[in-house]
């Protein structure tokens, strides 16, 4: 009987060691998964911080334009516009062609009536019209412009 009892003890010890090794293996696996998730979120945070690049703005000098006559007679618009562009290349292209840019804006604005421009929706539509008008190439073989937003820095309808 002593031998049977010794064999049982060995089997019990082997089982205890196997359970301990399994537990340690599971703990290591869980730790690695948690560590990978942590690294993934840190990487995402670093990428997000890198994507927070400084915005590129291009200011267009304010100008005054006659609007289409309405029931109140002749009306004027005094406006300042700033464009937010996505890259330096777009800014350089617009700066090099500033006379064309201003001419396009003047032509667009002079075709508007005062009541079209006084509401928030009217200003939003005007901003979209400006983007559409400036996205037409200014020269041959011009790469597409990356216009992100039109900002009205001054806007007076009189």
N, C-alpha and C. Protein backbone atom coordinates (compact mmCIF):
# COMPACT_ATOMS: atom_id res chain seq x y z
N UNK A 1 0.79 -1.18 0.00
CA UNK A 1 0.00 0.00 0.00
C UNK A 1 0.84 1.25 0.00
N UNK A 2 2.00 1.15 0.51
CA UNK A 2 2.86 2.32 0.55
C UNK A 2 3.18 2.78 -0.86
N UNK A 3 3.32 1.82 -1.74
CA UNK A 3 3.64 2.19 -3.10
C UNK A 3 2.46 2.87 -3.78
N UNK A 4 1.24 2.41 -3.56
CA UNK A 4 0.07 3.02 -4.15
C UNK A 4 -0.10 4.42 -3.63
N UNK A 5 0.15 4.56 -2.37
CA UNK A 5 0.01 5.87 -1.77
C UNK A 5 1.07 6.81 -2.33
N UNK A 6 2.27 6.36 -2.55
CA UNK A 6 3.34 7.20 -3.12
C UNK A 6 3.02 7.56 -4.55
N UNK A 7 2.44 6.65 -5.31
CA UNK A 7 2.06 6.93 -6.69
C UNK A 7 0.95 7.95 -6.77
N UNK A 8 0.02 7.91 -5.83
CA UNK A 8 -1.08 8.88 -5.79
C UNK A 8 -0.54 10.26 -5.47
N UNK A 9 0.43 10.29 -4.57
CA UNK A 9 1.00 11.59 -4.21
C UNK A 9 1.73 12.20 -5.40
N UNK A 10 2.44 11.36 -6.14
CA UNK A 10 3.14 11.87 -7.33
C UNK A 10 2.15 12.39 -8.35
N UNK A 11 1.09 11.63 -8.57
CA UNK A 11 0.06 12.05 -9.51
C UNK A 11 -0.59 13.35 -9.06
N UNK A 12 -0.84 13.50 -7.77
CA UNK A 12 -1.42 14.71 -7.23
C UNK A 12 -0.48 15.90 -7.45
N UNK A 13 0.82 15.69 -7.17
CA UNK A 13 1.80 16.76 -7.38
C UNK A 13 1.90 17.14 -8.86
N UNK A 14 1.87 16.18 -9.73
CA UNK A 14 1.94 16.46 -11.17
C UNK A 14 0.72 17.28 -11.60
N UNK A 15 -0.45 16.90 -11.07
CA UNK A 15 -1.67 17.64 -11.41
C UNK A 15 -1.60 19.08 -10.88
N UNK A 16 -1.10 19.25 -9.66
CA UNK A 16 -0.97 20.59 -9.08
C UNK A 16 -0.01 21.44 -9.92
N UNK A 17 1.10 20.86 -10.31
CA UNK A 17 2.08 21.57 -11.14
C UNK A 17 1.48 21.94 -12.49
N UNK A 18 0.72 21.02 -13.10
CA UNK A 18 0.07 21.30 -14.38
C UNK A 18 -0.95 22.44 -14.25
N UNK A 19 -1.73 22.44 -13.18
CA UNK A 19 -2.72 23.50 -12.95
C UNK A 19 -2.00 24.84 -12.77
N UNK A 20 -0.91 24.83 -11.99
CA UNK A 20 -0.15 26.06 -11.78
C UNK A 20 0.44 26.58 -13.10
N UNK A 21 1.02 25.69 -13.89
CA UNK A 21 1.59 26.09 -15.17
C UNK A 21 0.50 26.63 -16.11
N UNK A 22 -0.65 26.01 -16.10
CA UNK A 22 -1.76 26.47 -16.94
C UNK A 22 -2.21 27.86 -16.50
N UNK A 23 -2.29 28.06 -15.18
CA UNK A 23 -2.70 29.36 -14.66
C UNK A 23 -1.69 30.44 -15.03
N UNK A 24 -0.42 30.10 -14.88
CA UNK A 24 0.63 31.06 -15.24
C UNK A 24 0.56 31.37 -16.74
N UNK A 25 0.37 30.35 -17.55
CA UNK A 25 0.27 30.56 -19.00
C UNK A 25 -0.92 31.44 -19.36
N UNK A 26 -2.06 31.22 -18.70
CA UNK A 26 -3.25 32.03 -18.95
C UNK A 26 -3.00 33.47 -18.52
N UNK A 27 -2.35 33.66 -17.38
CA UNK A 27 -2.06 35.01 -16.90
C UNK A 27 -1.14 35.75 -17.87
N UNK A 28 -0.13 35.07 -18.37
CA UNK A 28 0.79 35.69 -19.34
C UNK A 28 0.03 36.05 -20.62
N UNK A 29 -0.83 35.17 -21.10
CA UNK A 29 -1.60 35.45 -22.31
C UNK A 29 -2.51 36.66 -22.12
N UNK A 30 -3.18 36.74 -20.98
CA UNK A 30 -4.06 37.87 -20.69
C UNK A 30 -3.24 39.16 -20.62
N UNK A 31 -2.11 39.10 -19.95
CA UNK A 31 -1.24 40.28 -19.85
C UNK A 31 -0.80 40.77 -21.23
N UNK A 32 -0.44 39.84 -22.11
CA UNK A 32 0.02 40.22 -23.45
C UNK A 32 -1.12 40.86 -24.25
N UNK A 33 -2.32 40.33 -24.15
CA UNK A 33 -3.47 40.90 -24.86
C UNK A 33 -3.76 42.30 -24.36
N UNK A 34 -3.77 42.49 -23.06
CA UNK A 34 -4.02 43.81 -22.48
C UNK A 34 -2.91 44.77 -22.88
N UNK A 35 -1.67 44.31 -22.88
CA UNK A 35 -0.54 45.16 -23.25
C UNK A 35 -0.63 45.58 -24.72
N UNK A 36 -1.07 44.67 -25.60
CA UNK A 36 -1.23 45.01 -27.01
C UNK A 36 -2.32 46.06 -27.19
N UNK A 37 -3.43 45.92 -26.48
CA UNK A 37 -4.50 46.91 -26.58
C UNK A 37 -4.00 48.27 -26.11
N UNK A 38 -3.24 48.26 -25.04
CA UNK A 38 -2.69 49.51 -24.50
C UNK A 38 -1.78 50.16 -25.54
N UNK A 39 -0.90 49.36 -26.16
CA UNK A 39 -0.01 49.89 -27.20
C UNK A 39 -0.81 50.42 -28.37
N UNK A 40 -1.89 49.75 -28.73
CA UNK A 40 -2.73 50.18 -29.85
C UNK A 40 -3.38 51.53 -29.59
N UNK A 41 -3.86 51.73 -28.36
CA UNK A 41 -4.49 53.02 -28.05
C UNK A 41 -3.45 54.12 -27.98
N UNK A 42 -2.26 53.80 -27.46
CA UNK A 42 -1.19 54.81 -27.43
C UNK A 42 -0.79 55.18 -28.85
N UNK A 43 -0.70 54.19 -29.73
CA UNK A 43 -0.36 54.47 -31.13
C UNK A 43 -1.43 55.33 -31.77
N UNK A 44 -2.69 55.03 -31.50
CA UNK A 44 -3.79 55.83 -32.05
C UNK A 44 -3.72 57.25 -31.53
N UNK A 45 -3.40 57.41 -30.23
CA UNK A 45 -3.29 58.76 -29.66
C UNK A 45 -2.15 59.52 -30.30
N UNK A 46 -1.03 58.86 -30.54
CA UNK A 46 0.11 59.51 -31.19
C UNK A 46 -0.25 59.91 -32.61
N UNK A 47 -0.93 59.01 -33.34
CA UNK A 47 -1.34 59.34 -34.71
C UNK A 47 -2.32 60.50 -34.71
N UNK A 48 -3.25 60.51 -33.78
CA UNK A 48 -4.22 61.59 -33.70
C UNK A 48 -3.52 62.91 -33.41
N UNK A 49 -2.54 62.88 -32.53
CA UNK A 49 -1.79 64.10 -32.22
C UNK A 49 -1.03 64.58 -33.46
N UNK A 50 -0.51 63.65 -34.25
CA UNK A 50 0.21 64.03 -35.46
C UNK A 50 -0.74 64.61 -36.49
N UNK A 51 -1.98 64.11 -36.53
CA UNK A 51 -2.96 64.60 -37.49
C UNK A 51 -3.45 66.00 -37.15
N UNK A 52 -3.26 66.41 -35.90
CA UNK A 52 -3.68 67.74 -35.49
C UNK A 52 -2.68 68.77 -35.98
N UNK A 53 -2.53 68.85 -37.26
CA UNK A 53 -1.59 69.80 -37.85
C UNK A 53 -2.17 71.21 -37.79
N UNK A 54 -1.30 72.17 -37.83
CA UNK A 54 -1.72 73.56 -37.82
C UNK A 54 -2.52 73.85 -39.09
N UNK A 55 -3.69 74.48 -38.95
CA UNK A 55 -4.48 74.79 -40.14
C UNK A 55 -3.77 75.85 -40.99
N UNK A 56 -4.01 75.80 -42.27
CA UNK A 56 -3.40 76.76 -43.20
C UNK A 56 -4.50 77.70 -43.67
N UNK A 57 -4.35 78.97 -43.34
CA UNK A 57 -5.33 79.97 -43.72
C UNK A 57 -4.74 80.91 -44.76
N UNK A 58 -5.58 81.37 -45.65
CA UNK A 58 -5.17 82.35 -46.64
C UNK A 58 -6.18 83.48 -46.63
N UNK A 59 -5.73 84.64 -46.27
CA UNK A 59 -6.60 85.81 -46.15
C UNK A 59 -6.70 86.51 -47.49
N UNK A 60 -7.90 86.87 -47.86
CA UNK A 60 -8.14 87.67 -49.06
C UNK A 60 -8.55 89.05 -48.56
N UNK A 61 -7.88 90.06 -49.06
CA UNK A 61 -8.16 91.43 -48.62
C UNK A 61 -9.65 91.74 -48.79
N UNK A 62 -10.24 92.46 -47.83
CA UNK A 62 -11.67 92.80 -47.93
C UNK A 62 -11.94 93.66 -49.16
N UNK A 63 -13.14 93.54 -49.67
CA UNK A 63 -13.54 94.36 -50.81
C UNK A 63 -15.02 94.67 -50.75
N UNK A 64 -15.40 95.66 -51.54
CA UNK A 64 -16.80 96.10 -51.61
C UNK A 64 -17.30 95.81 -53.01
N UNK A 65 -18.55 95.34 -53.10
CA UNK A 65 -19.13 95.01 -54.40
C UNK A 65 -20.59 95.49 -54.42
N UNK A 66 -21.02 95.97 -55.57
CA UNK A 66 -22.43 96.32 -55.77
C UNK A 66 -23.23 95.05 -55.95
N UNK A 67 -24.35 94.96 -55.25
CA UNK A 67 -25.23 93.81 -55.40
C UNK A 67 -26.31 94.13 -56.43
N UNK A 68 -27.02 93.11 -56.86
CA UNK A 68 -28.12 93.30 -57.80
C UNK A 68 -29.19 94.17 -57.13
N UNK A 69 -29.71 95.14 -57.87
CA UNK A 69 -30.74 96.03 -57.32
C UNK A 69 -31.96 95.21 -56.89
N UNK A 70 -32.53 95.62 -55.77
CA UNK A 70 -33.76 94.98 -55.30
C UNK A 70 -34.79 96.07 -55.02
N UNK A 71 -35.82 95.78 -54.28
CA UNK A 71 -36.88 96.74 -54.00
C UNK A 71 -36.40 97.96 -53.23
N UNK A 72 -35.23 97.87 -52.62
CA UNK A 72 -34.69 98.98 -51.84
C UNK A 72 -33.68 99.81 -52.63
N UNK A 73 -33.47 99.46 -53.89
CA UNK A 73 -32.52 100.19 -54.72
C UNK A 73 -31.17 99.51 -54.73
N UNK A 74 -30.15 100.31 -54.95
CA UNK A 74 -28.79 99.80 -55.05
C UNK A 74 -28.26 99.44 -53.66
N UNK A 75 -27.66 98.25 -53.54
CA UNK A 75 -27.14 97.78 -52.24
C UNK A 75 -25.67 97.41 -52.41
N UNK A 76 -24.93 97.47 -51.32
CA UNK A 76 -23.50 97.16 -51.33
C UNK A 76 -23.21 96.01 -50.35
N UNK A 77 -22.16 95.28 -50.67
CA UNK A 77 -21.66 94.25 -49.78
C UNK A 77 -20.19 94.54 -49.53
N UNK A 78 -19.82 94.65 -48.26
CA UNK A 78 -18.43 94.76 -47.86
C UNK A 78 -18.09 93.46 -47.17
N UNK A 79 -17.10 92.75 -47.69
CA UNK A 79 -16.78 91.45 -47.11
C UNK A 79 -15.29 91.17 -47.11
N UNK A 80 -14.89 90.45 -46.09
CA UNK A 80 -13.53 89.92 -45.99
C UNK A 80 -13.65 88.41 -45.94
N UNK A 81 -12.81 87.74 -46.69
CA UNK A 81 -12.88 86.28 -46.79
C UNK A 81 -11.52 85.70 -46.44
N UNK A 82 -11.56 84.61 -45.68
CA UNK A 82 -10.35 83.84 -45.40
C UNK A 82 -10.65 82.41 -45.82
N UNK A 83 -9.71 81.81 -46.53
CA UNK A 83 -9.87 80.43 -46.98
C UNK A 83 -9.00 79.52 -46.11
N UNK A 84 -9.57 78.40 -45.70
CA UNK A 84 -8.77 77.37 -45.03
C UNK A 84 -8.46 76.31 -46.07
N UNK A 85 -7.18 76.11 -46.35
CA UNK A 85 -6.76 75.15 -47.36
C UNK A 85 -6.08 73.96 -46.69
N UNK A 86 -6.02 72.86 -47.41
CA UNK A 86 -5.47 71.63 -46.83
C UNK A 86 -3.98 71.46 -46.97
N UNK A 87 -3.35 72.25 -47.86
CA UNK A 87 -1.91 72.10 -48.04
C UNK A 87 -1.29 73.41 -48.53
N UNK A 88 0.01 73.50 -48.39
CA UNK A 88 0.74 74.71 -48.78
C UNK A 88 0.67 74.94 -50.29
N UNK A 89 0.63 73.86 -51.06
CA UNK A 89 0.59 73.99 -52.52
C UNK A 89 -0.67 74.75 -52.95
N UNK A 90 -1.81 74.43 -52.35
CA UNK A 90 -3.05 75.13 -52.68
C UNK A 90 -2.94 76.61 -52.33
N UNK A 91 -2.34 76.90 -51.19
CA UNK A 91 -2.18 78.30 -50.77
C UNK A 91 -1.30 79.06 -51.75
N UNK A 92 -0.21 78.45 -52.17
CA UNK A 92 0.71 79.11 -53.11
C UNK A 92 0.01 79.36 -54.44
N UNK A 93 -0.73 78.39 -54.94
CA UNK A 93 -1.44 78.56 -56.21
C UNK A 93 -2.42 79.72 -56.12
N UNK A 94 -3.19 79.76 -55.05
CA UNK A 94 -4.17 80.84 -54.88
C UNK A 94 -3.48 82.20 -54.75
N UNK A 95 -2.38 82.26 -54.02
CA UNK A 95 -1.66 83.53 -53.87
C UNK A 95 -1.08 83.99 -55.21
N UNK A 96 -0.54 83.06 -56.00
CA UNK A 96 0.02 83.42 -57.30
C UNK A 96 -1.04 83.93 -58.27
N UNK A 97 -2.27 83.49 -58.10
CA UNK A 97 -3.36 83.87 -59.00
C UNK A 97 -4.39 84.77 -58.31
N UNK A 98 -3.94 85.56 -57.35
CA UNK A 98 -4.86 86.38 -56.56
C UNK A 98 -5.74 87.30 -57.40
N UNK A 99 -5.23 87.94 -58.47
CA UNK A 99 -6.13 88.77 -59.28
C UNK A 99 -7.31 87.96 -59.86
N UNK A 100 -7.04 86.74 -60.30
CA UNK A 100 -8.11 85.89 -60.83
C UNK A 100 -9.07 85.48 -59.71
N UNK A 101 -8.53 85.17 -58.55
CA UNK A 101 -9.36 84.77 -57.40
C UNK A 101 -10.30 85.90 -57.04
N UNK A 102 -9.76 87.11 -56.91
CA UNK A 102 -10.59 88.26 -56.54
C UNK A 102 -11.63 88.55 -57.62
N UNK A 103 -11.24 88.42 -58.88
CA UNK A 103 -12.19 88.66 -59.98
C UNK A 103 -13.33 87.66 -59.93
N UNK A 104 -13.01 86.39 -59.70
CA UNK A 104 -14.06 85.37 -59.61
C UNK A 104 -15.01 85.66 -58.45
N UNK A 105 -14.44 86.08 -57.34
CA UNK A 105 -15.29 86.40 -56.18
C UNK A 105 -16.17 87.62 -56.46
N UNK A 106 -15.60 88.64 -57.07
CA UNK A 106 -16.39 89.84 -57.40
C UNK A 106 -17.53 89.51 -58.37
N UNK A 107 -17.23 88.70 -59.37
CA UNK A 107 -18.27 88.31 -60.33
C UNK A 107 -19.37 87.51 -59.64
N UNK A 108 -19.00 86.62 -58.78
CA UNK A 108 -19.98 85.81 -58.05
C UNK A 108 -20.85 86.68 -57.14
N UNK A 109 -20.21 87.54 -56.38
CA UNK A 109 -20.93 88.36 -55.41
C UNK A 109 -21.80 89.42 -56.08
N UNK A 110 -21.35 89.98 -57.18
CA UNK A 110 -22.13 91.04 -57.83
C UNK A 110 -23.42 90.51 -58.45
N UNK A 111 -23.54 89.20 -58.58
CA UNK A 111 -24.77 88.60 -59.10
C UNK A 111 -25.77 88.24 -58.01
N UNK A 112 -25.46 88.57 -56.77
CA UNK A 112 -26.33 88.21 -55.64
C UNK A 112 -27.20 89.39 -55.22
N UNK A 113 -28.34 89.07 -54.61
CA UNK A 113 -29.20 90.09 -54.03
C UNK A 113 -28.98 90.11 -52.52
N UNK A 114 -29.23 91.25 -51.91
CA UNK A 114 -28.98 91.42 -50.49
C UNK A 114 -29.76 90.41 -49.65
N UNK A 115 -31.01 90.16 -50.00
CA UNK A 115 -31.81 89.24 -49.19
C UNK A 115 -31.30 87.80 -49.25
N UNK A 116 -30.55 87.45 -50.31
CA UNK A 116 -29.95 86.12 -50.41
C UNK A 116 -28.80 85.96 -49.41
N UNK A 117 -28.17 87.06 -49.04
CA UNK A 117 -26.94 87.00 -48.26
C UNK A 117 -27.12 87.27 -46.78
N UNK A 118 -28.28 87.75 -46.37
CA UNK A 118 -28.45 88.15 -44.97
C UNK A 118 -28.77 86.98 -44.03
N UNK A 119 -29.27 85.89 -44.54
CA UNK A 119 -29.58 84.74 -43.67
C UNK A 119 -28.36 83.84 -43.51
N UNK A 120 -28.39 83.02 -42.48
CA UNK A 120 -27.30 82.07 -42.24
C UNK A 120 -27.20 81.07 -43.39
N UNK A 121 -28.36 80.60 -43.85
CA UNK A 121 -28.36 79.65 -44.98
C UNK A 121 -27.79 80.30 -46.23
N UNK A 122 -28.11 81.57 -46.43
CA UNK A 122 -27.59 82.28 -47.60
C UNK A 122 -26.07 82.38 -47.56
N UNK A 123 -25.52 82.63 -46.37
CA UNK A 123 -24.06 82.71 -46.23
C UNK A 123 -23.42 81.33 -46.46
N UNK A 124 -24.08 80.28 -45.97
CA UNK A 124 -23.56 78.93 -46.18
C UNK A 124 -23.57 78.57 -47.66
N UNK A 125 -24.64 78.94 -48.36
CA UNK A 125 -24.71 78.68 -49.80
C UNK A 125 -23.65 79.49 -50.54
N UNK A 126 -23.44 80.72 -50.10
CA UNK A 126 -22.41 81.54 -50.72
C UNK A 126 -21.03 80.92 -50.51
N UNK A 127 -20.76 80.44 -49.31
CA UNK A 127 -19.48 79.80 -49.04
C UNK A 127 -19.28 78.60 -49.97
N UNK A 128 -20.32 77.79 -50.17
CA UNK A 128 -20.21 76.65 -51.07
C UNK A 128 -20.01 77.10 -52.51
N UNK A 129 -20.69 78.17 -52.91
CA UNK A 129 -20.52 78.71 -54.26
C UNK A 129 -19.09 79.20 -54.48
N UNK A 130 -18.50 79.79 -53.45
CA UNK A 130 -17.11 80.25 -53.56
C UNK A 130 -16.17 79.07 -53.74
N UNK A 131 -16.38 78.01 -52.97
CA UNK A 131 -15.54 76.81 -53.13
C UNK A 131 -15.69 76.26 -54.54
N UNK A 132 -16.94 76.16 -55.03
CA UNK A 132 -17.17 75.64 -56.38
C UNK A 132 -16.49 76.51 -57.43
N UNK A 133 -16.58 77.82 -57.28
CA UNK A 133 -16.00 78.75 -58.26
C UNK A 133 -14.48 78.68 -58.25
N UNK A 134 -13.88 78.56 -57.07
CA UNK A 134 -12.42 78.53 -56.99
C UNK A 134 -11.84 77.16 -57.33
N UNK A 135 -12.65 76.13 -57.32
CA UNK A 135 -12.16 74.80 -57.69
C UNK A 135 -11.99 74.65 -59.20
N UNK A 136 -12.54 75.58 -59.97
CA UNK A 136 -12.30 75.58 -61.42
C UNK A 136 -10.84 75.98 -61.61
N UNK A 137 -10.05 75.20 -62.35
CA UNK A 137 -8.62 75.50 -62.48
C UNK A 137 -8.36 76.93 -62.94
N UNK A 138 -7.35 77.52 -62.35
CA UNK A 138 -6.95 78.89 -62.67
C UNK A 138 -5.99 78.92 -63.85
N UNK A 139 -5.25 77.82 -64.07
CA UNK A 139 -4.32 77.70 -65.20
C UNK A 139 -4.39 76.29 -65.74
N UNK A 140 -3.74 76.10 -66.88
CA UNK A 140 -3.66 74.75 -67.44
C UNK A 140 -2.75 73.90 -66.57
N UNK A 141 -3.04 72.63 -66.51
CA UNK A 141 -2.24 71.64 -65.77
C UNK A 141 -2.11 71.96 -64.29
N UNK A 142 -3.10 72.63 -63.73
CA UNK A 142 -3.08 72.95 -62.30
C UNK A 142 -3.57 71.75 -61.51
N UNK A 143 -2.83 71.36 -60.47
CA UNK A 143 -3.35 70.29 -59.63
C UNK A 143 -4.60 70.76 -58.91
N UNK A 144 -5.47 69.84 -58.52
CA UNK A 144 -6.69 70.25 -57.82
C UNK A 144 -6.37 70.96 -56.51
N UNK A 145 -7.14 71.99 -56.21
CA UNK A 145 -6.96 72.73 -54.96
C UNK A 145 -7.62 71.96 -53.83
N UNK A 146 -7.06 72.10 -52.65
CA UNK A 146 -7.64 71.47 -51.46
C UNK A 146 -8.25 72.57 -50.60
N UNK A 147 -9.45 73.02 -50.98
CA UNK A 147 -10.16 74.06 -50.23
C UNK A 147 -11.02 73.38 -49.18
N UNK A 148 -10.79 73.72 -47.92
CA UNK A 148 -11.51 73.07 -46.83
C UNK A 148 -12.69 73.88 -46.33
N UNK A 149 -12.53 75.22 -46.31
CA UNK A 149 -13.58 76.03 -45.69
C UNK A 149 -13.43 77.48 -46.14
N UNK A 150 -14.58 78.15 -46.26
CA UNK A 150 -14.62 79.58 -46.52
C UNK A 150 -15.11 80.25 -45.25
N UNK A 151 -14.31 81.19 -44.76
CA UNK A 151 -14.65 81.89 -43.53
C UNK A 151 -14.87 83.37 -43.86
N UNK A 152 -16.01 83.90 -43.44
CA UNK A 152 -16.29 85.32 -43.64
C UNK A 152 -15.80 86.06 -42.40
N UNK A 153 -14.76 86.86 -42.56
CA UNK A 153 -14.20 87.57 -41.42
C UNK A 153 -14.85 88.97 -41.27
N UNK A 154 -15.43 89.45 -42.33
CA UNK A 154 -16.17 90.71 -42.33
C UNK A 154 -17.32 90.54 -43.30
N UNK A 155 -18.49 91.06 -42.93
CA UNK A 155 -19.65 90.86 -43.80
C UNK A 155 -20.70 91.92 -43.48
N UNK A 156 -20.78 92.94 -44.32
CA UNK A 156 -21.75 94.02 -44.11
C UNK A 156 -22.53 94.21 -45.39
N UNK A 157 -23.85 94.10 -45.29
CA UNK A 157 -24.75 94.39 -46.41
C UNK A 157 -25.41 95.72 -46.09
N UNK A 158 -25.32 96.65 -47.04
CA UNK A 158 -25.87 97.98 -46.81
C UNK A 158 -26.77 98.39 -47.95
